[in-house]
Amino acid sequence: MNLGIGLSNLRYSSLGVINLLCAGFLAYCYGRIQGKKDELMRERQLHE
């Protein structure tokens, strides 16, 4: 949702770029966290 807002704001303000950068950074961090979580879940199942 934040990416959509950032794209729509690009035409009107330079804050759209900042919004897109923040949204991209948060999406990247979320992906990393999900990857670590999945890895830990697989490792836990292996040891059970």
PDB file of N, CA and C in Angstrom:
ATOM      1  N   MET A   1       0.825  -1.185   0.000  1.00  0.00           N
ATOM      2  CA  MET A   1       0.000   0.000   0.000  1.00  0.00           C
ATOM      3  C   MET A   1       0.874   1.254   0.000  1.00  0.00           C
ATOM      4  N   ASN A   2       1.921   1.197   0.793  1.00  0.00           N
ATOM      5  CA  ASN A   2       2.823   2.346   0.877  1.00  0.00           C
ATOM      6  C   ASN A   2       3.524   2.586  -0.457  1.00  0.00           C
ATOM      7  N   LEU A   3       3.827   1.529  -1.197  1.00  0.00           N
ATOM      8  CA  LEU A   3       4.452   1.692  -2.511  1.00  0.00           C
ATOM      9  C   LEU A   3       3.508   2.406  -3.467  1.00  0.00           C
ATOM     10  N   GLY A   4       2.230   2.046  -3.423  1.00  0.00           N
ATOM     11  CA  GLY A   4       1.249   2.708  -4.274  1.00  0.00           C
ATOM     12  C   GLY A   4       1.123   4.182  -3.965  1.00  0.00           C
ATOM     13  N   ILE A   5       1.107   4.518  -2.715  1.00  0.00           N
ATOM     14  CA  ILE A   5       1.026   5.918  -2.306  1.00  0.00           C
ATOM     15  C   ILE A   5       2.271   6.670  -2.762  1.00  0.00           C
ATOM     16  N   GLY A   6       3.425   6.039  -2.617  1.00  0.00           N
ATOM     17  CA  GLY A   6       4.662   6.676  -3.055  1.00  0.00           C
ATOM     18  C   GLY A   6       4.677   6.921  -4.548  1.00  0.00           C
ATOM     19  N   LEU A   7       4.176   5.960  -5.320  1.00  0.00           N
ATOM     20  CA  LEU A   7       4.130   6.136  -6.776  1.00  0.00           C
ATOM     21  C   LEU A   7       3.175   7.253  -7.178  1.00  0.00           C
ATOM     22  N   SER A   8       2.039   7.336  -6.487  1.00  0.00           N
ATOM     23  CA  SER A   8       1.085   8.386  -6.833  1.00  0.00           C
ATOM     24  C   SER A   8       1.597   9.765  -6.419  1.00  0.00           C
ATOM     25  N   ASN A   9       2.430   9.838  -5.416  1.00  0.00           N
ATOM     26  CA  ASN A   9       2.966  11.118  -4.946  1.00  0.00           C
ATOM     27  C   ASN A   9       4.177  11.590  -5.752  1.00  0.00           C
ATOM     28  N   LEU A  10       4.716  10.751  -6.599  1.00  0.00           N
ATOM     29  CA  LEU A  10       5.896  11.154  -7.372  1.00  0.00           C
ATOM     30  C   LEU A  10       5.603  12.349  -8.263  1.00  0.00           C
ATOM     31  N   ARG A  11       4.408  12.424  -8.774  1.00  0.00           N
ATOM     32  CA  ARG A  11       4.061  13.524  -9.680  1.00  0.00           C
ATOM     33  C   ARG A  11       3.910  14.851  -8.950  1.00  0.00           C
ATOM     34  N   TYR A  12       3.548  14.794  -7.700  1.00  0.00           N
ATOM     35  CA  TYR A  12       3.177  16.016  -6.972  1.00  0.00           C
ATOM     36  C   TYR A  12       4.257  16.529  -6.025  1.00  0.00           C
ATOM     37  N   SER A  13       5.115  15.643  -5.561  1.00  0.00           N
ATOM     38  CA  SER A  13       6.032  16.072  -4.514  1.00  0.00           C
ATOM     39  C   SER A  13       7.297  15.225  -4.543  1.00  0.00           C
ATOM     40  N   SER A  14       8.378  15.783  -4.057  1.00  0.00           N
ATOM     41  CA  SER A  14       9.610  15.007  -3.935  1.00  0.00           C
ATOM     42  C   SER A  14       9.542  14.062  -2.740  1.00  0.00           C
ATOM     43  N   LEU A  15       8.545  14.242  -1.891  1.00  0.00           N
ATOM     44  CA  LEU A  15       8.384  13.325  -0.763  1.00  0.00           C
ATOM     45  C   LEU A  15       7.987  11.934  -1.234  1.00  0.00           C
ATOM     46  N   GLY A  16       7.466  11.832  -2.437  1.00  0.00           N
ATOM     47  CA  GLY A  16       7.126  10.522  -3.000  1.00  0.00           C
ATOM     48  C   GLY A  16       8.348   9.641  -3.130  1.00  0.00           C
ATOM     49  N   VAL A  17       9.478  10.233  -3.477  1.00  0.00           N
ATOM     50  CA  VAL A  17      10.723   9.474  -3.594  1.00  0.00           C
ATOM     51  C   VAL A  17      11.136   8.941  -2.228  1.00  0.00           C
ATOM     52  N   ILE A  18      11.047   9.782  -1.223  1.00  0.00           N
ATOM     53  CA  ILE A  18      11.392   9.362   0.139  1.00  0.00           C
ATOM     54  C   ILE A  18      10.449   8.252   0.594  1.00  0.00           C
ATOM     55  N   ASN A  19       9.174   8.395   0.280  1.00  0.00           N
ATOM     56  CA  ASN A  19       8.193   7.381   0.639  1.00  0.00           C
ATOM     57  C   ASN A  19       8.515   6.057  -0.051  1.00  0.00           C
ATOM     58  N   LEU A  20       8.882   6.113  -1.323  1.00  0.00           N
ATOM     59  CA  LEU A  20       9.242   4.890  -2.043  1.00  0.00           C
ATOM     60  C   LEU A  20      10.486   4.232  -1.451  1.00  0.00           C
ATOM     61  N   LEU A  21      11.471   5.025  -1.098  1.00  0.00           N
ATOM     62  CA  LEU A  21      12.684   4.479  -0.497  1.00  0.00           C
ATOM     63  C   LEU A  21      12.389   3.804   0.834  1.00  0.00           C
ATOM     64  N   CYS A  22      11.579   4.445   1.643  1.00  0.00           N
ATOM     65  CA  CYS A  22      11.213   3.862   2.940  1.00  0.00           C
ATOM     66  C   CYS A  22      10.421   2.571   2.755  1.00  0.00           C
ATOM     67  N   ALA A  23       9.475   2.581   1.818  1.00  0.00           N
ATOM     68  CA  ALA A  23       8.667   1.388   1.567  1.00  0.00           C
ATOM     69  C   ALA A  23       9.535   0.250   1.050  1.00  0.00           C
ATOM     70  N   GLY A  24      10.457   0.559   0.164  1.00  0.00           N
ATOM     71  CA  GLY A  24      11.367  -0.463  -0.347  1.00  0.00           C
ATOM     72  C   GLY A  24      12.250  -1.036   0.736  1.00  0.00           C
ATOM     73  N   PHE A  25      12.754  -0.167   1.589  1.00  0.00           N
ATOM     74  CA  PHE A  25      13.592  -0.623   2.710  1.00  0.00           C
ATOM     75  C   PHE A  25      12.799  -1.520   3.658  1.00  0.00           C
ATOM     76  N   LEU A  26      11.574  -1.117   3.972  1.00  0.00           N
ATOM     77  CA  LEU A  26      10.748  -1.932   4.865  1.00  0.00           C
ATOM     78  C   LEU A  26      10.391  -3.272   4.234  1.00  0.00           C
ATOM     79  N   ALA A  27      10.127  -3.281   2.943  1.00  0.00           N
ATOM     80  CA  ALA A  27       9.814  -4.537   2.250  1.00  0.00           C
ATOM     81  C   ALA A  27      11.033  -5.460   2.263  1.00  0.00           C
ATOM     82  N   TYR A  28      12.201  -4.894   2.042  1.00  0.00           N
ATOM     83  CA  TYR A  28      13.433  -5.683   2.082  1.00  0.00           C
ATOM     84  C   TYR A  28      13.654  -6.283   3.466  1.00  0.00           C
ATOM     85  N   CYS A  29      13.488  -5.469   4.501  1.00  0.00           N
ATOM     86  CA  CYS A  29      13.667  -5.952   5.872  1.00  0.00           C
ATOM     87  C   CYS A  29      12.653  -7.038   6.216  1.00  0.00           C
ATOM     88  N   TYR A  30      11.413  -6.841   5.800  1.00  0.00           N
ATOM     89  CA  TYR A  30      10.384  -7.837   6.049  1.00  0.00           C
ATOM     90  C   TYR A  30      10.735  -9.157   5.365  1.00  0.00           C
ATOM     91  N   GLY A  31      11.240  -9.096   4.159  1.00  0.00           N
ATOM     92  CA  GLY A  31      11.653 -10.305   3.451  1.00  0.00           C
ATOM     93  C   GLY A  31      12.785 -11.017   4.153  1.00  0.00           C
ATOM     94  N   ARG A  32      13.733 -10.250   4.651  1.00  0.00           N
ATOM     95  CA  ARG A  32      14.849 -10.858   5.389  1.00  0.00           C
ATOM     96  C   ARG A  32      14.364 -11.544   6.663  1.00  0.00           C
ATOM     97  N   ILE A  33      13.465 -10.889   7.377  1.00  0.00           N
ATOM     98  CA  ILE A  33      12.938 -11.458   8.616  1.00  0.00           C
ATOM     99  C   ILE A  33      12.168 -12.742   8.314  1.00  0.00           C
ATOM    100  N   GLN A  34      11.344 -12.716   7.268  1.00  0.00           N
ATOM    101  CA  GLN A  34      10.581 -13.910   6.901  1.00  0.00           C
ATOM    102  C   GLN A  34      11.517 -15.051   6.504  1.00  0.00           C
ATOM    103  N   GLY A  35      12.586 -14.732   5.804  1.00  0.00           N
ATOM    104  CA  GLY A  35      13.559 -15.749   5.415  1.00  0.00           C
ATOM    105  C   GLY A  35      14.217 -16.382   6.626  1.00  0.00           C
ATOM    106  N   LYS A  36      14.609 -15.566   7.573  1.00  0.00           N
ATOM    107  CA  LYS A  36      15.224 -16.083   8.801  1.00  0.00           C
ATOM    108  C   LYS A  36      14.230 -16.940   9.584  1.00  0.00           C
ATOM    109  N   LYS A  37      12.982 -16.481   9.634  1.00  0.00           N
ATOM    110  CA  LYS A  37      11.942 -17.218  10.358  1.00  0.00           C
ATOM    111  C   LYS A  37      11.728 -18.594   9.717  1.00  0.00           C
ATOM    112  N   ASP A  38      11.621 -18.629   8.402  1.00  0.00           N
ATOM    113  CA  ASP A  38      11.444 -19.899   7.708  1.00  0.00           C
ATOM    114  C   ASP A  38      12.625 -20.835   7.937  1.00  0.00           C
ATOM    115  N   GLU A  39      13.831 -20.267   7.901  1.00  0.00           N
ATOM    116  CA  GLU A  39      15.035 -21.061   8.133  1.00  0.00           C
ATOM    117  C   GLU A  39      15.036 -21.655   9.542  1.00  0.00           C
ATOM    118  N   LEU A  40      14.659 -20.864  10.521  1.00  0.00           N
ATOM    119  CA  LEU A  40      14.610 -21.357  11.896  1.00  0.00           C
ATOM    120  C   LEU A  40      13.526 -22.421  12.081  1.00  0.00           C
ATOM    121  N   MET A  41      12.401 -22.255  11.402  1.00  0.00           N
ATOM    122  CA  MET A  41      11.334 -23.258  11.490  1.00  0.00           C
ATOM    123  C   MET A  41      11.793 -24.588  10.888  1.00  0.00           C
ATOM    124  N   ARG A  42      12.492 -24.551   9.750  1.00  0.00           N
ATOM    125  CA  ARG A  42      13.011 -25.784   9.136  1.00  0.00           C
ATOM    126  C   ARG A  42      14.029 -26.449  10.047  1.00  0.00           C
ATOM    127  N   GLU A  43      14.893 -25.640  10.652  1.00  0.00           N
ATOM    128  CA  GLU A  43      15.923 -26.195  11.547  1.00  0.00           C
ATOM    129  C   GLU A  43      15.271 -26.813  12.780  1.00  0.00           C
ATOM    130  N   ARG A  44      14.236 -26.180  13.294  1.00  0.00           N
ATOM    131  CA  ARG A  44      13.528 -26.712  14.453  1.00  0.00           C
ATOM    132  C   ARG A  44      12.874 -28.050  14.125  1.00  0.00           C
ATOM    133  N   GLN A  45      12.268 -28.158  12.954  1.00  0.00           N
ATOM    134  CA  GLN A  45      11.637 -29.408  12.553  1.00  0.00           C
ATOM    135  C   GLN A  45      12.675 -30.504  12.361  1.00  0.00           C
ATOM    136  N   LEU A  46      13.854 -30.139  11.906  1.00  0.00           N
ATOM    137  CA  LEU A  46      14.918 -31.112  11.699  1.00  0.00           C
ATOM    138  C   LEU A  46      15.360 -31.708  13.024  1.00  0.00           C
ATOM    139  N   HIS A  47      15.412 -30.910  14.070  1.00  0.00           N
ATOM    140  CA  HIS A  47      15.899 -31.367  15.363  1.00  0.00           C
ATOM    141  C   HIS A  47      14.836 -32.008  16.233  1.00  0.00           C
ATOM    142  N   GLU A  48      13.583 -31.956  15.817  1.00  0.00           N
ATOM    143  CA  GLU A  48      12.514 -32.571  16.635  1.00  0.00           C
ATOM    144  C   GLU A  48      12.361 -34.014  16.319  1.00  0.00           C
TER     145      GLU A  48
END
